[in-house]
């Protein structure tokens, strides 16, 4: 492990997979809530599969705004020049960073549901005080390679981010749509045993491998399908939440089911779930604060 650049806002760390250099260098970027660290998203995966890798981390709360294009390129370009191929890879905030910095080293870029939470158009109150020091994405140096963006088109915010911000920089991006995977789309692919071969194929060839999308029988697929229905057709959401929980326990899914039951007016069923939660020691069936408050406001016993 070699720290090749660092400050109070970022740390860039090189890891060699072995004594011999790999042909391809993988540069990964952490998402939220990851902070300053020497390793993180993708590090172990790359090393296990024989790829030298660089992990780029940010101080929590800075969203990579403390790392300039110039500092990144000065740190990473000399290493990148030693390899036949370079890939930038990241999810969510890390996906934004891969797109922002990847062009400066002419990397192949593959990202999942990229987002900068502090993007002004998102109007995220939690990030209102964060000063944006980065230039707009469309003004950054561009890679000659067409980026690949993996995302769930049913997540409106992710779709809007891609159409508004990413395509302004790279109009011809390769989109890999995975419906009802949710924002953490890589988790869905991993649980369906698709992620490993998909990513390794891209690392090796720079091309997108075709694959069967997760569907019926996937806990995440049923949950995200239910969330899609929850706002306007909550009666359709209930059986999807129940199918998801039957496949795999989940605190998120359990709480969303209670929210759904309250929304459709099935308060007896909601109370049964609340009573079950009170008696259960399993984390997957514990209430979150929002649902506990909603239940109390509705007159249910928590």
Foldseek 3Di string as FASTA:
>chain_A
DAFQDDDPWKTKAKDALDPDADQEEEEFEEDPPDAYDQDDPPPVVQSVVGHIYMYMGTHGLQLCQVPALVNVCVRCQVVRVVHNAYEYEYEASRLVVCLQNVLSNLHAYEYELYDRCLPVVNVNPVNVPHDRNYDASLPHRGHPHAYEYEYAVLPPVSVCCCVPRVCSNVVDHHYHHAHQCPRPNLVQCVVVVNNSVQVVCCRVPVDGDDDDHDDPLALSSLQSVLVSCQPPNLVVSQVSLVSSCVNPQALVSLLVNLVSCVVVPVLVVSLVLVVVQVPDPDPSSHHDPVSVVVCVVSVHDD
